[in-house]
């Protein structure tokens, strides 16, 4: 995935999670954190830099871990 867009309840607006050039390999919702603490958090595996210098993402580049709130806000590298 190149980007993810979130839609707020009662709105037609789609908000991209970032304006950066990235590749999102996977995302997971932390259900246990939500069930135990009522906090919605996503964790993402992201290719955000051309670490091997071949000019391509994500071929053989290092992954970064990102998190965001359940609505996509607070998208930050860990």
PDB file of N, CA and C in Angstrom:
ATOM      1  N   UNK A   1       0.841  -1.170   0.000  1.00  0.00           N
ATOM      2  CA  UNK A   1       0.000   0.000   0.000  1.00  0.00           C
ATOM      3  C   UNK A   1       0.889   1.236   0.000  1.00  0.00           C
ATOM      4  N   UNK A   2       0.515   2.212  -0.750  1.00  0.00           N
ATOM      5  CA  UNK A   2       1.275   3.459  -0.777  1.00  0.00           C
ATOM      6  C   UNK A   2       0.811   4.435   0.286  1.00  0.00           C
ATOM      7  N   UNK A   3      -0.457   4.381   0.641  1.00  0.00           N
ATOM      8  CA  UNK A   3      -1.007   5.271   1.654  1.00  0.00           C
ATOM      9  C   UNK A   3      -2.350   4.702   2.077  1.00  0.00           C
ATOM     10  N   UNK A   4      -2.839   5.176   3.198  1.00  0.00           N
ATOM     11  CA  UNK A   4      -4.137   4.756   3.714  1.00  0.00           C
ATOM     12  C   UNK A   4      -4.932   6.020   4.008  1.00  0.00           C
ATOM     13  N   UNK A   5      -6.208   5.984   3.703  1.00  0.00           N
ATOM     14  CA  UNK A   5      -7.072   7.127   4.005  1.00  0.00           C
ATOM     15  C   UNK A   5      -8.124   6.706   5.023  1.00  0.00           C
ATOM     16  N   UNK A   6      -8.352   7.586   5.987  1.00  0.00           N
ATOM     17  CA  UNK A   6      -9.338   7.346   7.032  1.00  0.00           C
ATOM     18  C   UNK A   6     -10.536   8.250   6.810  1.00  0.00           C
ATOM     19  N   UNK A   7     -11.715   7.701   7.086  1.00  0.00           N
ATOM     20  CA  UNK A   7     -12.955   8.473   6.982  1.00  0.00           C
ATOM     21  C   UNK A   7     -13.549   8.604   8.378  1.00  0.00           C
ATOM     22  N   UNK A   8     -13.838   9.823   8.766  1.00  0.00           N
ATOM     23  CA  UNK A   8     -14.435  10.074  10.064  1.00  0.00           C
ATOM     24  C   UNK A   8     -15.923   9.734  10.025  1.00  0.00           C
ATOM     25  N   UNK A   9     -16.466   9.331  11.154  1.00  0.00           N
ATOM     26  CA  UNK A   9     -17.890   9.032  11.259  1.00  0.00           C
ATOM     27  C   UNK A   9     -18.688  10.303  10.948  1.00  0.00           C
ATOM     28  N   UNK A  10     -19.771  10.150  10.209  1.00  0.00           N
ATOM     29  CA  UNK A  10     -20.648  11.261   9.803  1.00  0.00           C
ATOM     30  C   UNK A  10     -19.955  12.258   8.876  1.00  0.00           C
ATOM     31  N   UNK A  11     -19.003  11.794   8.082  1.00  0.00           N
ATOM     32  CA  UNK A  11     -18.294  12.665   7.154  1.00  0.00           C
ATOM     33  C   UNK A  11     -17.978  11.889   5.884  1.00  0.00           C
ATOM     34  N   UNK A  12     -17.947  12.585   4.760  1.00  0.00           N
ATOM     35  CA  UNK A  12     -17.546  11.969   3.494  1.00  0.00           C
ATOM     36  C   UNK A  12     -16.073  12.215   3.197  1.00  0.00           C
ATOM     37  N   UNK A  13     -15.415  13.029   4.011  1.00  0.00           N
ATOM     38  CA  UNK A  13     -14.022  13.393   3.780  1.00  0.00           C
ATOM     39  C   UNK A  13     -13.089  12.230   4.084  1.00  0.00           C
ATOM     40  N   UNK A  14     -12.157  11.975   3.164  1.00  0.00           N
ATOM     41  CA  UNK A  14     -11.109  10.975   3.355  1.00  0.00           C
ATOM     42  C   UNK A  14      -9.799  11.692   3.639  1.00  0.00           C
ATOM     43  N   UNK A  15      -9.149  11.316   4.739  1.00  0.00           N
ATOM     44  CA  UNK A  15      -7.910  11.982   5.154  1.00  0.00           C
ATOM     45  C   UNK A  15      -6.752  10.994   5.038  1.00  0.00           C
ATOM     46  N   UNK A  16      -5.733  11.311   4.203  1.00  0.00           N
ATOM     47  CA  UNK A  16      -4.576  10.409   4.089  1.00  0.00           C
ATOM     48  C   UNK A  16      -3.779  10.391   5.387  1.00  0.00           C
ATOM     49  N   UNK A  17      -3.190   9.255   5.672  1.00  0.00           N
ATOM     50  CA  UNK A  17      -2.433   9.117   6.915  1.00  0.00           C
ATOM     51  C   UNK A  17      -1.125   9.918   6.871  1.00  0.00           C
ATOM     52  N   UNK A  18      -0.598  10.147   5.670  1.00  0.00           N
ATOM     53  CA  UNK A  18       0.645  10.907   5.534  1.00  0.00           C
ATOM     54  C   UNK A  18       0.748  11.512   4.138  1.00  0.00           C
ATOM     55  N   UNK A  19       1.603  12.498   4.003  1.00  0.00           N
ATOM     56  CA  UNK A  19       1.920  13.069   2.695  1.00  0.00           C
ATOM     57  C   UNK A  19       3.287  12.603   2.211  1.00  0.00           C
ATOM     58  N   UNK A  20       3.962  11.781   3.007  1.00  0.00           N
ATOM     59  CA  UNK A  20       5.282  11.258   2.662  1.00  0.00           C
ATOM     60  C   UNK A  20       5.166  10.168   1.603  1.00  0.00           C
ATOM     61  N   UNK A  21       6.262   9.927   0.886  1.00  0.00           N
ATOM     62  CA  UNK A  21       6.332   8.807  -0.042  1.00  0.00           C
ATOM     63  C   UNK A  21       6.784   7.598   0.763  1.00  0.00           C
ATOM     64  N   UNK A  22       5.851   6.674   1.004  1.00  0.00           N
ATOM     65  CA  UNK A  22       6.140   5.480   1.792  1.00  0.00           C
ATOM     66  C   UNK A  22       5.449   4.282   1.154  1.00  0.00           C
ATOM     67  N   UNK A  23       5.821   3.104   1.600  1.00  0.00           N
ATOM     68  CA  UNK A  23       5.139   1.863   1.245  1.00  0.00           C
ATOM     69  C   UNK A  23       4.787   1.166   2.550  1.00  0.00           C
ATOM     70  N   UNK A  24       3.503   0.925   2.766  1.00  0.00           N
ATOM     71  CA  UNK A  24       3.039   0.250   3.968  1.00  0.00           C
ATOM     72  C   UNK A  24       2.901  -1.236   3.650  1.00  0.00           C
ATOM     73  N   UNK A  25       3.718  -2.045   4.332  1.00  0.00           N
ATOM     74  CA  UNK A  25       3.681  -3.478   4.084  1.00  0.00           C
ATOM     75  C   UNK A  25       2.512  -4.140   4.823  1.00  0.00           C
ATOM     76  N   UNK A  26       2.278  -3.707   6.058  1.00  0.00           N
ATOM     77  CA  UNK A  26       1.173  -4.283   6.822  1.00  0.00           C
ATOM     78  C   UNK A  26       0.742  -3.321   7.914  1.00  0.00           C
ATOM     79  N   UNK A  27      -0.473  -3.545   8.415  1.00  0.00           N
ATOM     80  CA  UNK A  27      -0.967  -2.783   9.555  1.00  0.00           C
ATOM     81  C   UNK A  27      -1.784  -3.712  10.420  1.00  0.00           C
ATOM     82  N   UNK A  28      -1.753  -3.461  11.739  1.00  0.00           N
ATOM     83  CA  UNK A  28      -2.478  -4.313  12.678  1.00  0.00           C
ATOM     84  C   UNK A  28      -3.095  -3.455  13.771  1.00  0.00           C
ATOM     85  N   UNK A  29      -4.328  -3.782  14.141  1.00  0.00           N
ATOM     86  CA  UNK A  29      -5.002  -3.110  15.239  1.00  0.00           C
ATOM     87  C   UNK A  29      -4.683  -3.878  16.517  1.00  0.00           C
ATOM     88  N   UNK A  30      -4.302  -3.160  17.574  1.00  0.00           N
ATOM     89  CA  UNK A  30      -3.939  -3.805  18.831  1.00  0.00           C
ATOM     90  C   UNK A  30      -5.197  -4.034  19.676  1.00  0.00           C
ATOM     91  N   UNK A  31      -5.861  -5.167  19.422  1.00  0.00           N
ATOM     92  CA  UNK A  31      -7.129  -5.475  20.093  1.00  0.00           C
ATOM     93  C   UNK A  31      -6.973  -5.610  21.606  1.00  0.00           C
ATOM     94  N   UNK A  32      -5.892  -6.226  22.057  1.00  0.00           N
ATOM     95  CA  UNK A  32      -5.706  -6.409  23.501  1.00  0.00           C
ATOM     96  C   UNK A  32      -5.598  -5.060  24.213  1.00  0.00           C
ATOM     97  N   UNK A  33      -4.866  -4.106  23.619  1.00  0.00           N
ATOM     98  CA  UNK A  33      -4.760  -2.768  24.209  1.00  0.00           C
ATOM     99  C   UNK A  33      -6.141  -2.116  24.249  1.00  0.00           C
ATOM    100  N   UNK A  34      -6.901  -2.283  23.169  1.00  0.00           N
ATOM    101  CA  UNK A  34      -8.246  -1.710  23.127  1.00  0.00           C
ATOM    102  C   UNK A  34      -9.149  -2.336  24.199  1.00  0.00           C
ATOM    103  N   UNK A  35      -9.117  -3.659  24.301  1.00  0.00           N
ATOM    104  CA  UNK A  35      -9.968  -4.344  25.282  1.00  0.00           C
ATOM    105  C   UNK A  35      -9.581  -4.021  26.721  1.00  0.00           C
ATOM    106  N   UNK A  36      -8.283  -3.910  26.995  1.00  0.00           N
ATOM    107  CA  UNK A  36      -7.803  -3.665  28.355  1.00  0.00           C
ATOM    108  C   UNK A  36      -7.850  -2.197  28.761  1.00  0.00           C
ATOM    109  N   UNK A  37      -7.642  -1.284  27.796  1.00  0.00           N
ATOM    110  CA  UNK A  37      -7.489   0.137  28.131  1.00  0.00           C
ATOM    111  C   UNK A  37      -8.420   1.065  27.357  1.00  0.00           C
ATOM    112  N   UNK A  38      -9.231   0.498  26.450  1.00  0.00           N
ATOM    113  CA  UNK A  38     -10.155   1.286  25.625  1.00  0.00           C
ATOM    114  C   UNK A  38      -9.425   2.365  24.811  1.00  0.00           C
ATOM    115  N   UNK A  39      -8.233   2.005  24.302  1.00  0.00           N
ATOM    116  CA  UNK A  39      -7.431   2.892  23.455  1.00  0.00           C
ATOM    117  C   UNK A  39      -7.203   2.173  22.121  1.00  0.00           C
ATOM    118  N   UNK A  40      -7.622   2.812  21.016  1.00  0.00           N
ATOM    119  CA  UNK A  40      -7.440   2.214  19.697  1.00  0.00           C
ATOM    120  C   UNK A  40      -6.119   2.632  19.080  1.00  0.00           C
ATOM    121  N   UNK A  41      -5.265   1.646  18.789  1.00  0.00           N
ATOM    122  CA  UNK A  41      -3.935   1.915  18.220  1.00  0.00           C
ATOM    123  C   UNK A  41      -3.682   0.954  17.064  1.00  0.00           C
ATOM    124  N   UNK A  42      -3.146   1.501  15.964  1.00  0.00           N
ATOM    125  CA  UNK A  42      -2.662   0.693  14.852  1.00  0.00           C
ATOM    126  C   UNK A  42      -1.133   0.704  14.860  1.00  0.00           C
ATOM    127  N   UNK A  43      -0.550  -0.422  14.439  1.00  0.00           N
ATOM    128  CA  UNK A  43       0.899  -0.536  14.257  1.00  0.00           C
ATOM    129  C   UNK A  43       1.124  -0.887  12.789  1.00  0.00           C
ATOM    130  N   UNK A  44       2.106  -0.224  12.178  1.00  0.00           N
ATOM    131  CA  UNK A  44       2.378  -0.382  10.743  1.00  0.00           C
ATOM    132  C   UNK A  44       3.829  -0.797  10.507  1.00  0.00           C
ATOM    133  N   UNK A  45       4.059  -1.696   9.538  1.00  0.00           N
ATOM    134  CA  UNK A  45       5.394  -1.971   9.006  1.00  0.00           C
ATOM    135  C   UNK A  45       5.526  -1.135   7.739  1.00  0.00           C
ATOM    136  N   UNK A  46       6.517  -0.229   7.723  1.00  0.00           N
ATOM    137  CA  UNK A  46       6.615   0.767   6.660  1.00  0.00           C
ATOM    138  C   UNK A  46       8.027   0.816   6.084  1.00  0.00           C
ATOM    139  N   UNK A  47       8.096   0.903   4.765  1.00  0.00           N
ATOM    140  CA  UNK A  47       9.351   1.236   4.083  1.00  0.00           C
ATOM    141  C   UNK A  47       9.288   2.735   3.812  1.00  0.00           C
ATOM    142  N   UNK A  48      10.164   3.506   4.450  1.00  0.00           N
ATOM    143  CA  UNK A  48      10.100   4.961   4.304  1.00  0.00           C
ATOM    144  C   UNK A  48      11.400   5.582   3.784  1.00  0.00           C
ATOM    145  N   UNK A  49      12.440   4.763   3.613  1.00  0.00           N
ATOM    146  CA  UNK A  49      13.712   5.276   3.097  1.00  0.00           C
ATOM    147  C   UNK A  49      14.338   4.256   2.168  1.00  0.00           C
ATOM    148  N   UNK A  50      15.028   4.760   1.160  1.00  0.00           N
ATOM    149  CA  UNK A  50      15.782   3.901   0.248  1.00  0.00           C
ATOM    150  C   UNK A  50      17.131   3.585   0.916  1.00  0.00           C
ATOM    151  N   UNK A  51      17.119   2.606   1.834  1.00  0.00           N
ATOM    152  CA  UNK A  51      18.316   2.326   2.634  1.00  0.00           C
ATOM    153  C   UNK A  51      19.430   1.624   1.863  1.00  0.00           C
ATOM    154  N   UNK A  52      19.113   0.963   0.765  1.00  0.00           N
ATOM    155  CA  UNK A  52      20.171   0.289   0.003  1.00  0.00           C
ATOM    156  C   UNK A  52      20.635   1.093  -1.210  1.00  0.00           C
ATOM    157  N   UNK A  53      20.048   2.268  -1.442  1.00  0.00           N
ATOM    158  CA  UNK A  53      20.516   3.171  -2.491  1.00  0.00           C
ATOM    159  C   UNK A  53      20.221   2.746  -3.911  1.00  0.00           C
ATOM    160  N   UNK A  54      19.236   1.854  -4.107  1.00  0.00           N
ATOM    161  CA  UNK A  54      18.927   1.418  -5.477  1.00  0.00           C
ATOM    162  C   UNK A  54      17.868   2.282  -6.156  1.00  0.00           C
ATOM    163  N   UNK A  55      17.373   3.302  -5.460  1.00  0.00           N
ATOM    164  CA  UNK A  55      16.382   4.196  -6.034  1.00  0.00           C
ATOM    165  C   UNK A  55      14.970   3.660  -6.020  1.00  0.00           C
ATOM    166  N   UNK A  56      14.732   2.549  -5.312  1.00  0.00           N
ATOM    167  CA  UNK A  56      13.412   1.935  -5.272  1.00  0.00           C
ATOM    168  C   UNK A  56      12.977   1.697  -3.835  1.00  0.00           C
ATOM    169  N   UNK A  57      11.671   1.810  -3.618  1.00  0.00           N
ATOM    170  CA  UNK A  57      11.048   1.366  -2.372  1.00  0.00           C
ATOM    171  C   UNK A  57      10.125   0.223  -2.753  1.00  0.00           C
ATOM    172  N   UNK A  58      10.039  -0.847  -2.038  1.00  0.00           N
ATOM    173  CA  UNK A  58      10.752  -1.263  -0.850  1.00  0.00           C
ATOM    174  C   UNK A  58      11.791  -2.340  -1.102  1.00  0.00           C
ATOM    175  N   UNK A  59      12.196  -2.541  -2.327  1.00  0.00           N
ATOM    176  CA  UNK A  59      13.044  -3.681  -2.648  1.00  0.00           C
ATOM    177  C   UNK A  59      14.315  -3.715  -1.795  1.00  0.00           C
ATOM    178  N   UNK A  60      14.371  -4.673  -0.886  1.00  0.00           N
ATOM    179  CA  UNK A  60      15.512  -4.918   0.003  1.00  0.00           C
ATOM    180  C   UNK A  60      15.864  -3.742   0.918  1.00  0.00           C
ATOM    181  N   UNK A  61      14.911  -2.854   1.190  1.00  0.00           N
ATOM    182  CA  UNK A  61      15.143  -1.753   2.130  1.00  0.00           C
ATOM    183  C   UNK A  61      14.747  -2.174   3.535  1.00  0.00           C
ATOM    184  N   UNK A  62      15.269  -1.454   4.521  1.00  0.00           N
ATOM    185  CA  UNK A  62      14.937  -1.722   5.911  1.00  0.00           C
ATOM    186  C   UNK A  62      13.560  -1.161   6.236  1.00  0.00           C
ATOM    187  N   UNK A  63      12.802  -1.897   7.074  1.00  0.00           N
ATOM    188  CA  UNK A  63      11.474  -1.463   7.483  1.00  0.00           C
ATOM    189  C   UNK A  63      11.547  -0.602   8.737  1.00  0.00           C
ATOM    190  N   UNK A  64      10.560   0.259   8.890  1.00  0.00           N
ATOM    191  CA  UNK A  64      10.377   1.050  10.104  1.00  0.00           C
ATOM    192  C   UNK A  64       9.026   0.681  10.700  1.00  0.00           C
ATOM    193  N   UNK A  65       8.892   0.912  11.990  1.00  0.00           N
ATOM    194  CA  UNK A  65       7.626   0.679  12.677  1.00  0.00           C
ATOM    195  C   UNK A  65       6.992   2.040  12.952  1.00  0.00           C
ATOM    196  N   UNK A  66       5.714   2.175  12.620  1.00  0.00           N
ATOM    197  CA  UNK A  66       4.942   3.389  12.874  1.00  0.00           C
ATOM    198  C   UNK A  66       3.721   3.018  13.714  1.00  0.00           C
ATOM    199  N   UNK A  67       3.179   4.003  14.420  1.00  0.00           N
ATOM    200  CA  UNK A  67       1.932   3.826  15.148  1.00  0.00           C
ATOM    201  C   UNK A  67       1.006   4.995  14.842  1.00  0.00           C
ATOM    202  N   UNK A  68      -0.277   4.783  15.053  1.00  0.00           N
ATOM    203  CA  UNK A  68      -1.259   5.868  14.966  1.00  0.00           C
ATOM    204  C   UNK A  68      -2.426   5.543  15.881  1.00  0.00           C
ATOM    205  N   UNK A  69      -3.238   6.545  16.141  1.00  0.00           N
ATOM    206  CA  UNK A  69      -4.481   6.328  16.865  1.00  0.00           C
ATOM    207  C   UNK A  69      -5.473   5.645  15.939  1.00  0.00           C
ATOM    208  N   UNK A  70      -6.589   5.211  16.472  1.00  0.00           N
ATOM    209  CA  UNK A  70      -7.591   4.468  15.698  1.00  0.00           C
ATOM    210  C   UNK A  70      -8.149   5.247  14.519  1.00  0.00           C
ATOM    211  N   UNK A  71      -8.073   6.574  14.573  1.00  0.00           N
ATOM    212  CA  UNK A  71      -8.594   7.394  13.476  1.00  0.00           C
ATOM    213  C   UNK A  71      -7.510   7.829  12.489  1.00  0.00           C
ATOM    214  N   UNK A  72      -6.302   7.312  12.651  1.00  0.00           N
ATOM    215  CA  UNK A  72      -5.189   7.640  11.761  1.00  0.00           C
ATOM    216  C   UNK A  72      -4.362   8.827  12.209  1.00  0.00           C
ATOM    217  N   UNK A  73      -4.832   9.564  13.206  1.00  0.00           N
ATOM    218  CA  UNK A  73      -4.070  10.715  13.690  1.00  0.00           C
ATOM    219  C   UNK A  73      -2.861  10.252  14.512  1.00  0.00           C
ATOM    220  N   UNK A  74      -1.872  11.101  14.622  1.00  0.00           N
ATOM    221  CA  UNK A  74      -0.690  10.775  15.402  1.00  0.00           C
ATOM    222  C   UNK A  74       0.208   9.752  14.731  1.00  0.00           C
ATOM    223  N   UNK A  75       0.185   9.690  13.414  1.00  0.00           N
ATOM    224  CA  UNK A  75       1.018   8.729  12.668  1.00  0.00           C
ATOM    225  C   UNK A  75       2.481   9.111  12.836  1.00  0.00           C
ATOM    226  N   UNK A  76       3.236   8.298  13.598  1.00  0.00           N
ATOM    227  CA  UNK A  76       4.630   8.605  13.915  1.00  0.00           C
ATOM    228  C   UNK A  76       5.496   7.364  13.876  1.00  0.00           C
ATOM    229  N   UNK A  77       6.737   7.573  13.512  1.00  0.00           N
ATOM    230  CA  UNK A  77       7.727   6.508  13.528  1.00  0.00           C
ATOM    231  C   UNK A  77       8.133   6.227  14.973  1.00  0.00           C
ATOM    232  N   UNK A  78       8.257   4.946  15.313  1.00  0.00           N
ATOM    233  CA  UNK A  78       8.650   4.559  16.672  1.00  0.00           C
ATOM    234  C   UNK A  78      10.157   4.457  16.752  1.00  0.00           C
TER     235      UNK A  78
END
